Amino acid sequence: MKHSLIFGAMILLGVACQKADIPSSSTCTLVSDPAWAQHPRAETYQTIIDQYVALGLPGISLYIQDEDGEWAGSGGMADIEAGVAFQPCTVSKVASITKMFVGTLAMLLAEDGVLDLDAPVDPWLPSRVLDKVANVRGATLRQLLGHTTGIYDIITDNGFYLAVLNDPDKHWEAIDLIEFAYGKDALFPLGTSCRYSNTNTLLVSMVIDKVTGRPHHQLLRERILEPLGLEDTYYYSHDVLPPSTAQGYFDLYNNGTIANVTNFNTGSGNGYGGMFSTVFDIATFIRALVVDQTILQPASLDQMMQFQPHIAPDDPSPDLFLGPGMMKRYFNQPLDSDNFAWGHTGRDLAYTGNCFYFPARKTICCFLVNYGTNGKSALREVFYDFQDALTDEVVR
């Protein structure tokens, strides 16, 4: 997603980057496993982290599980101002990895007979949303989850970001967010292509809330977080974040100086983003979902893995395929190879994350970075070099 105009507006408006209800970070208590040091690639993975922290990424945590065992490591700072180190146990924003949790919840509710993935969502949405959002009328949950609706992405909207700038700490309600899609042209006719749009998962969360009569954040905790024992996973702003939460950073002026932009709330807690977690917790989730397959029935997981190529002429990603609540990525590996992974990326103004399982390598790879990679900056390219170096090592 491209936000060069947005960040130009930040500069012109002289944005103040104060911390809000995410306080200065404190050190988490890491219970390390002596076996980590014995992993044959422990030194290699730590060297990759250290290399890209030295190149400017504020902080990184990384978890690996492969046929040689587990390894976890970290580098850099969770809070530059307070001098708090980033550790594997540091809580950081996972951003759009949230979508994989919400997609899994939708599948669970479909298994219960509560949701019909192939029925139009019209009865569950306000009439003004049906009238003002192109392509939403007649769309199904499956199309929303799989990004085949063509519905405009509010996260690409300049008006939305100006609203965030005017009130960075605002806690957004879904109905307020969806207004940024009112009157906007559809990206393509309903069901004819596949293009990532955060608005899709926003609408999924609205439907879940309406159909069940309960907030989806409560259902996420009851159906996924608590059963899996994900005690270090939080859904902002519904949950209070712990003191060990990392601050988030971005090079606002693209001059090599990063700023603390932790308090910029881009609609967290409305389906498409907002979860904070550790690499251990998100690894537990992806392991249960696609490796052990203990969350969903096999048929439901198969549906999440019905992938279509992502088609975005202005932001080509030939290695990206989207399914209902899940991604399939090749990360610049040859598309005719078996070096693909299942999972989801997370990209936000101040945070970045990946959590994937590489089936051919039987490897879980999850990392968190407290730097935003949605906007253009020199460090965004550093991040993608880090991602490529890490992936090359995983599939080696």
Protein backbone atom coordinates (compact mmCIF):
# COMPACT_ATOMS: atom_id res chain seq x y z
CA MET A 1 0.00 0.00 0.00
CA LYS A 2 1.28 3.43 -0.93
CA HIS A 3 1.13 6.41 1.39
CA SER A 4 3.65 8.91 0.02
CA LEU A 5 1.00 11.65 -0.10
CA ILE A 6 -0.07 10.83 3.43
CA PHE A 7 3.39 11.21 4.87
CA GLY A 8 3.91 14.41 2.94
CA ALA A 9 0.82 15.71 4.70
CA MET A 10 2.32 14.69 8.04
CA ILE A 11 5.38 16.78 7.31
CA LEU A 12 3.41 19.83 6.19
CA LEU A 13 1.20 19.69 9.26
CA GLY A 14 4.14 19.35 11.63
CA VAL A 15 2.77 16.27 13.35
CA ALA A 16 3.59 15.83 17.02
CA CYS A 17 4.60 12.25 17.74
CA GLN A 18 3.84 11.91 21.42
CA LYS A 19 3.15 8.62 23.12
CA ALA A 20 -0.44 8.01 24.13
CA ASP A 21 -1.97 5.02 25.94
CA ILE A 22 0.96 2.77 25.05
CA PRO A 23 3.34 3.82 27.87
CA SER A 24 7.12 3.72 27.80
CA SER A 25 8.20 0.13 27.42
CA SER A 26 9.55 -2.00 30.23
CA THR A 27 11.60 -5.15 29.96
CA CYS A 28 9.69 -8.42 29.66
CA THR A 29 10.84 -11.55 31.48
CA LEU A 30 12.26 -14.00 28.98
CA VAL A 31 12.31 -17.67 29.91
CA SER A 32 14.86 -18.94 27.42
CA ASP A 33 15.49 -22.52 26.41
CA PRO A 34 19.13 -23.68 26.54
CA ALA A 35 18.41 -25.76 23.44
CA TRP A 36 18.11 -22.59 21.38
CA ALA A 37 21.87 -22.12 21.49
CA GLN A 38 22.34 -25.62 20.08
CA HIS A 39 20.25 -24.97 16.97
CA PRO A 40 22.61 -25.42 13.99
CA ARG A 41 21.55 -22.10 12.47
CA ALA A 42 21.36 -20.09 15.71
CA GLU A 43 24.40 -17.98 14.84
CA THR A 44 23.21 -17.41 11.28
CA TYR A 45 19.77 -16.20 12.34
CA GLN A 46 21.21 -13.93 15.03
CA THR A 47 23.68 -12.50 12.53
CA ILE A 48 20.82 -11.64 10.16
CA ILE A 49 18.99 -9.82 12.95
CA ASP A 50 22.11 -7.93 14.04
CA GLN A 51 22.95 -6.96 10.46
CA TYR A 52 19.61 -5.30 9.82
CA VAL A 53 19.40 -3.64 13.23
CA ALA A 54 22.79 -2.14 12.43
CA LEU A 55 21.30 -0.88 9.16
CA GLY A 56 18.60 1.00 11.05
CA LEU A 57 15.61 -1.20 11.93
CA PRO A 58 14.81 -0.27 15.56
CA GLY A 59 14.01 -3.71 16.97
CA ILE A 60 13.41 -7.26 15.75
CA SER A 61 12.22 -10.48 17.37
CA LEU A 62 12.33 -13.79 15.51
CA TYR A 63 11.04 -17.29 16.19
CA ILE A 64 12.00 -20.34 14.13
CA GLN A 65 10.82 -23.92 14.46
CA ASP A 66 12.14 -26.47 12.00
CA GLU A 67 13.26 -30.08 11.95
CA ASP A 68 16.32 -29.13 14.02
CA GLY A 69 14.21 -27.69 16.83
CA GLU A 70 13.29 -24.22 18.04
CA TRP A 71 15.22 -20.97 18.07
CA ALA A 72 14.29 -17.48 19.22
CA GLY A 73 16.33 -14.32 19.15
CA SER A 74 16.12 -10.56 18.96
CA GLY A 75 18.06 -7.36 18.54
CA GLY A 76 17.71 -3.61 18.80
CA MET A 77 15.40 -1.56 20.97
CA ALA A 78 11.75 -1.89 21.97
CA ASP A 79 11.82 1.68 23.28
CA ILE A 80 14.64 3.86 22.01
CA GLU A 81 13.82 6.77 24.29
CA ALA A 82 13.73 4.63 27.44
CA GLY A 83 16.64 2.42 26.42
CA VAL A 84 14.64 -0.82 26.61
CA ALA A 85 15.95 -3.72 24.52
CA PHE A 86 13.72 -5.65 22.13
CA GLN A 87 13.50 -9.26 23.31
CA PRO A 88 11.79 -12.38 21.95
CA CYS A 89 9.14 -11.91 24.66
CA THR A 90 8.46 -8.27 23.70
CA VAL A 91 4.85 -7.58 22.76
CA SER A 92 4.57 -5.74 19.43
CA LYS A 93 1.83 -4.94 16.96
CA VAL A 94 1.16 -7.74 14.47
CA ALA A 95 -1.02 -5.48 12.29
CA SER A 96 -2.74 -7.40 9.48
CA ILE A 97 -1.83 -10.79 10.92
CA THR A 98 -5.04 -9.96 12.81
CA LYS A 99 -6.91 -10.85 9.61
CA MET A 100 -5.84 -14.49 9.91
CA PHE A 101 -7.34 -14.63 13.40
CA VAL A 102 -10.58 -13.04 12.19
CA GLY A 103 -10.72 -15.36 9.17
CA THR A 104 -10.27 -18.36 11.45
CA LEU A 105 -13.05 -17.09 13.72
CA ALA A 106 -15.35 -16.74 10.71
CA MET A 107 -14.60 -20.34 9.73
CA LEU A 108 -15.34 -21.54 13.27
CA LEU A 109 -18.68 -19.73 13.24
CA ALA A 110 -19.45 -21.25 9.84
CA GLU A 111 -18.73 -24.69 11.28
CA ASP A 112 -21.21 -23.87 14.05
CA GLY A 113 -23.85 -22.96 11.48
CA VAL A 114 -23.89 -19.36 12.71
CA LEU A 115 -22.43 -17.90 9.51
CA ASP A 116 -23.13 -18.81 5.90
CA LEU A 117 -20.01 -17.96 3.93
CA ASP A 118 -21.83 -17.98 0.60
CA ALA A 119 -24.90 -15.91 1.48
CA PRO A 120 -24.99 -12.18 0.71
CA VAL A 121 -24.13 -10.07 3.74
CA ASP A 122 -26.87 -7.53 2.93
CA PRO A 123 -29.19 -8.46 5.85
CA TRP A 124 -26.45 -7.82 8.39
CA LEU A 125 -25.24 -4.39 7.33
CA PRO A 126 -26.87 -0.95 7.71
CA SER A 127 -28.77 0.27 4.67
CA ARG A 128 -26.50 3.30 4.34
CA VAL A 129 -23.49 0.99 4.00
CA LEU A 130 -25.26 -1.05 1.32
CA ASP A 131 -26.26 2.12 -0.52
CA LYS A 132 -22.96 4.00 -0.30
CA VAL A 133 -20.21 1.37 -0.55
CA ALA A 134 -19.72 0.10 -4.09
CA ASN A 135 -19.89 -3.70 -4.49
CA VAL A 136 -20.94 -4.47 -0.92
CA ARG A 137 -24.52 -5.29 -1.93
CA GLY A 138 -24.58 -8.94 -2.91
CA ALA A 139 -21.08 -9.67 -1.60
CA THR A 140 -20.60 -12.82 0.46
CA LEU A 141 -18.40 -13.45 3.48
CA ARG A 142 -16.24 -15.75 1.40
CA GLN A 143 -15.63 -12.95 -1.10
CA LEU A 144 -14.89 -10.47 1.69
CA LEU A 145 -12.46 -12.84 3.40
CA GLY A 146 -10.76 -13.67 0.10
CA HIS A 147 -10.53 -10.06 -1.16
CA THR A 148 -12.50 -10.75 -4.33
CA THR A 149 -15.12 -8.02 -3.80
CA GLY A 150 -13.34 -5.08 -5.42
CA ILE A 151 -14.39 -2.90 -2.47
CA TYR A 152 -12.34 0.29 -2.02
CA ASP A 153 -9.58 0.09 0.61
CA ILE A 154 -10.06 2.75 3.28
CA ILE A 155 -6.41 2.40 4.32
CA THR A 156 -5.38 3.96 1.01
CA ASP A 157 -7.62 6.98 1.55
CA ASN A 158 -5.98 10.37 2.10
CA GLY A 159 -9.03 11.65 3.94
CA PHE A 160 -8.74 8.84 6.46
CA TYR A 161 -5.11 9.62 7.18
CA LEU A 162 -5.82 13.31 7.56
CA ALA A 163 -8.45 12.33 10.14
CA VAL A 164 -5.84 10.22 11.92
CA LEU A 165 -3.45 13.19 11.90
CA ASN A 166 -6.09 15.48 13.35
CA ASP A 167 -6.87 13.04 16.17
CA PRO A 168 -4.10 10.41 16.43
CA ASP A 169 -5.46 8.85 19.63
CA LYS A 170 -9.02 8.41 18.38
CA HIS A 171 -10.56 5.00 19.02
CA TRP A 172 -12.44 4.31 15.82
CA GLU A 173 -15.80 2.59 15.57
CA ALA A 174 -16.46 0.42 12.53
CA ILE A 175 -19.33 2.56 11.29
CA ASP A 176 -17.07 5.63 11.33
CA LEU A 177 -14.32 3.85 9.41
CA ILE A 178 -16.59 2.52 6.68
CA GLU A 179 -17.63 6.08 5.81
CA PHE A 180 -14.26 6.56 4.09
CA ALA A 181 -15.46 4.07 1.46
CA TYR A 182 -18.70 5.95 0.79
CA GLY A 183 -19.01 7.03 -2.82
CA LYS A 184 -15.67 5.55 -3.87
CA ASP A 185 -15.43 3.56 -7.09
CA ALA A 186 -15.05 -0.19 -6.90
CA LEU A 187 -11.66 -1.61 -7.86
CA PHE A 188 -13.30 -4.16 -10.20
CA PRO A 189 -16.71 -5.82 -10.66
CA LEU A 190 -17.71 -8.04 -7.75
CA GLY A 191 -16.09 -11.47 -7.88
CA THR A 192 -14.05 -10.92 -11.05
CA SER A 193 -10.56 -10.43 -9.60
CA CYS A 194 -8.59 -10.43 -6.35
CA ARG A 195 -7.08 -7.38 -4.66
CA TYR A 196 -6.24 -6.80 -1.02
CA SER A 197 -8.53 -4.37 0.79
CA ASN A 198 -8.66 -3.76 4.53
CA THR A 199 -12.29 -2.72 4.15
CA ASN A 200 -13.20 -6.34 3.44
CA THR A 201 -12.18 -7.54 6.89
CA LEU A 202 -13.71 -4.46 8.51
CA LEU A 203 -17.02 -5.56 6.99
CA VAL A 204 -16.46 -9.15 8.14
CA SER A 205 -16.08 -7.92 11.72
CA MET A 206 -19.29 -5.88 11.40
CA VAL A 207 -21.18 -8.93 10.13
CA ILE A 208 -19.86 -11.15 12.93
CA ASP A 209 -20.89 -8.58 15.54
CA LYS A 210 -24.39 -8.30 14.08
CA VAL A 211 -25.07 -11.99 13.44
CA THR A 212 -23.82 -13.18 16.83
CA GLY A 213 -25.03 -10.21 18.83
CA ARG A 214 -21.63 -10.12 20.49
CA PRO A 215 -18.42 -8.13 19.85
CA HIS A 216 -16.03 -10.12 17.71
CA HIS A 217 -13.16 -9.28 20.07
CA GLN A 218 -14.87 -11.31 22.80
CA LEU A 219 -15.36 -14.22 20.41
CA LEU A 220 -11.72 -14.08 19.32
CA ARG A 221 -10.63 -14.41 22.93
CA GLU A 222 -13.11 -17.19 23.76
CA ARG A 223 -12.68 -19.27 20.60
CA ILE A 224 -8.98 -18.80 19.78
CA LEU A 225 -6.81 -16.89 22.27
CA GLU A 226 -7.89 -18.62 25.48
CA PRO A 227 -8.07 -22.19 24.09
CA LEU A 228 -4.55 -21.82 22.68
CA GLY A 229 -3.20 -20.21 25.85
CA LEU A 230 -2.15 -17.03 24.05
CA GLU A 231 -1.66 -15.04 27.24
CA ASP A 232 0.57 -12.42 25.60
CA THR A 233 -1.84 -11.54 22.79
CA TYR A 234 -3.99 -8.42 23.00
CA TYR A 235 -6.55 -6.78 20.73
CA TYR A 236 -6.16 -3.03 20.91
CA SER A 237 -8.12 -0.97 21.85
CA HIS A 238 -10.40 -3.56 23.44
CA ASP A 239 -7.58 -4.84 25.67
CA VAL A 240 -5.15 -2.91 27.86
CA LEU A 241 -1.64 -3.36 26.52
CA PRO A 242 1.11 -4.50 28.91
CA PRO A 243 4.12 -2.37 29.92
CA SER A 244 6.35 -4.63 27.82
CA THR A 245 4.73 -3.40 24.59
CA ALA A 246 7.21 -2.05 22.05
CA GLN A 247 7.05 1.52 20.83
CA GLY A 248 6.55 1.94 17.07
CA TYR A 249 8.68 4.07 14.76
CA PHE A 250 8.81 5.56 11.27
CA ASP A 251 11.09 7.88 9.32
CA LEU A 252 8.46 10.59 8.84
CA TYR A 253 10.67 13.00 6.94
CA ASN A 254 12.56 10.32 4.99
CA ASN A 255 15.83 11.86 6.17
CA GLY A 256 17.25 8.96 8.13
CA THR A 257 15.82 10.06 11.47
CA ILE A 258 13.06 7.90 12.89
CA ALA A 259 10.23 9.25 15.04
CA ASN A 260 8.05 7.59 17.65
CA VAL A 261 4.60 7.31 16.04
CA THR A 262 3.19 4.74 18.45
CA ASN A 263 0.05 6.75 19.10
CA PHE A 264 -1.17 6.89 15.48
CA ASN A 265 -4.28 4.69 15.59
CA THR A 266 -5.26 3.54 12.11
CA GLY A 267 -8.51 1.90 13.18
CA SER A 268 -7.17 -0.85 15.42
CA GLY A 269 -9.69 -3.30 16.82
CA ASN A 270 -12.01 -3.42 13.81
CA GLY A 271 -11.09 -6.69 12.16
CA TYR A 272 -8.30 -5.69 9.81
CA GLY A 273 -5.65 -4.87 12.42
CA GLY A 274 -4.98 -4.10 16.05
CA MET A 275 -3.59 -7.26 17.58
CA PHE A 276 -0.41 -7.07 19.61
CA SER A 277 1.47 -10.24 20.44
CA THR A 278 4.82 -11.98 20.77
CA VAL A 279 6.55 -14.17 18.23
CA PHE A 280 5.89 -17.12 20.53
CA ASP A 281 2.12 -16.58 20.59
CA ILE A 282 1.66 -16.01 16.87
CA ALA A 283 3.84 -19.06 16.21
CA THR A 284 1.58 -21.08 18.51
CA PHE A 285 -1.40 -19.89 16.49
CA ILE A 286 0.02 -20.74 13.05
CA ARG A 287 1.20 -24.11 14.38
CA ALA A 288 -2.26 -24.99 15.68
CA LEU A 289 -3.95 -23.72 12.52
CA VAL A 290 -1.92 -25.26 9.68
CA VAL A 291 0.56 -27.74 11.21
CA ASP A 292 -1.29 -29.55 14.00
CA GLN A 293 -4.65 -28.52 12.48
CA THR A 294 -6.40 -28.49 15.85
CA ILE A 295 -8.49 -25.33 15.41
CA LEU A 296 -10.57 -25.99 12.31
CA GLN A 297 -12.07 -29.00 10.64
CA PRO A 298 -10.03 -30.10 7.59
CA ALA A 299 -12.69 -28.88 5.17
CA SER A 300 -12.62 -25.40 6.72
CA LEU A 301 -8.84 -25.16 6.52
CA ASP A 302 -9.02 -26.31 2.90
CA GLN A 303 -11.38 -23.41 2.20
CA MET A 304 -8.93 -20.92 3.72
CA MET A 305 -6.32 -22.31 1.33
CA GLN A 306 -8.31 -21.70 -1.85
CA PHE A 307 -5.86 -19.09 -3.11
CA GLN A 308 -6.15 -16.66 -6.00
CA PRO A 309 -3.38 -14.47 -7.41
CA HIS A 310 -3.34 -10.94 -6.05
CA ILE A 311 -3.76 -8.48 -8.91
CA ALA A 312 -2.86 -4.85 -8.25
CA PRO A 313 -1.45 -3.02 -11.30
CA ASP A 314 -0.10 -0.12 -9.22
CA ASP A 315 1.51 -2.38 -6.61
CA PRO A 316 2.47 -5.65 -8.32
CA SER A 317 3.11 -8.63 -6.05
CA PRO A 318 3.40 -11.67 -8.32
CA ASP A 319 4.48 -13.83 -5.37
CA LEU A 320 1.28 -13.15 -3.38
CA PHE A 321 -1.86 -15.28 -3.43
CA LEU A 322 -4.91 -14.62 -1.24
CA GLY A 323 -7.38 -17.02 0.33
CA PRO A 324 -10.20 -16.46 2.83
CA GLY A 325 -8.23 -15.15 5.81
CA MET A 326 -4.84 -16.42 4.68
CA MET A 327 -1.96 -15.66 2.33
CA LYS A 328 0.29 -17.87 0.26
CA ARG A 329 3.65 -16.20 -0.35
CA TYR A 330 6.78 -17.07 -2.28
CA PHE A 331 8.82 -14.10 -0.99
CA ASN A 332 10.71 -13.66 -4.27
CA GLN A 333 11.35 -17.39 -4.59
CA PRO A 334 10.57 -18.98 -7.99
CA LEU A 335 6.83 -19.48 -8.45
CA ASP A 336 7.40 -22.96 -9.85
CA SER A 337 9.25 -24.04 -6.70
CA ASP A 338 7.94 -25.54 -3.47
CA ASN A 339 9.40 -22.63 -1.47
CA PHE A 340 6.04 -21.09 -0.61
CA ALA A 341 4.57 -20.37 2.80
CA TRP A 342 1.10 -20.13 4.35
CA GLY A 343 0.28 -17.41 6.84
CA HIS A 344 -0.08 -13.64 6.82
CA THR A 345 1.94 -10.45 6.74
CA GLY A 346 1.34 -7.42 8.92
CA ARG A 347 2.10 -3.87 7.80
CA ASP A 348 1.22 -0.73 9.75
CA LEU A 349 2.40 2.86 10.13
CA ALA A 350 4.72 1.99 13.00
CA TYR A 351 4.97 -1.81 13.09
CA THR A 352 5.60 -4.79 10.83
CA GLY A 353 5.29 -8.55 11.22
CA ASN A 354 5.23 -11.88 9.40
CA CYS A 355 4.00 -15.27 10.56
CA PHE A 356 4.29 -18.15 8.09
CA TYR A 357 4.69 -21.90 7.80
CA PHE A 358 6.88 -23.22 4.97
CA PRO A 359 5.46 -26.72 4.38
CA ALA A 360 8.26 -28.03 2.16
CA ARG A 361 10.80 -27.05 4.83
CA LYS A 362 8.52 -27.92 7.77
CA THR A 363 9.47 -24.55 9.20
CA ILE A 364 7.55 -21.92 11.15
CA CYS A 365 9.05 -18.44 10.78
CA CYS A 366 7.51 -15.51 12.66
CA PHE A 367 9.05 -12.11 13.26
CA LEU A 368 8.04 -8.70 14.59
CA VAL A 369 9.66 -5.34 13.80
CA ASN A 370 8.75 -2.05 15.47
CA TYR A 371 9.09 0.00 12.31
CA GLY A 372 6.34 0.90 9.85
CA THR A 373 6.72 -0.34 6.29
CA ASN A 374 3.48 0.99 4.78
CA GLY A 375 5.00 4.34 3.89
CA LYS A 376 7.98 4.97 1.64
CA SER A 377 11.31 5.36 3.39
CA ALA A 378 14.87 4.15 3.01
CA LEU A 379 14.34 1.77 5.91
CA ARG A 380 11.44 0.11 4.13
CA GLU A 381 13.93 -1.17 1.58
CA VAL A 382 16.18 -2.31 4.44
CA PHE A 383 13.23 -4.23 5.86
CA TYR A 384 12.53 -5.99 2.56
CA ASP A 385 16.20 -6.91 2.30
CA PHE A 386 15.91 -8.39 5.81
CA GLN A 387 12.81 -10.33 4.81
CA ASP A 388 14.55 -11.70 1.70
CA ALA A 389 17.71 -12.65 3.59
CA LEU A 390 15.68 -14.44 6.24
CA THR A 391 13.54 -16.27 3.69
CA ASP A 392 16.60 -17.33 1.71
CA GLU A 393 18.01 -18.87 4.88
CA VAL A 394 14.75 -20.61 5.78
CA VAL A 395 14.43 -22.29 2.38
CA ARG A 396 18.15 -22.99 1.98
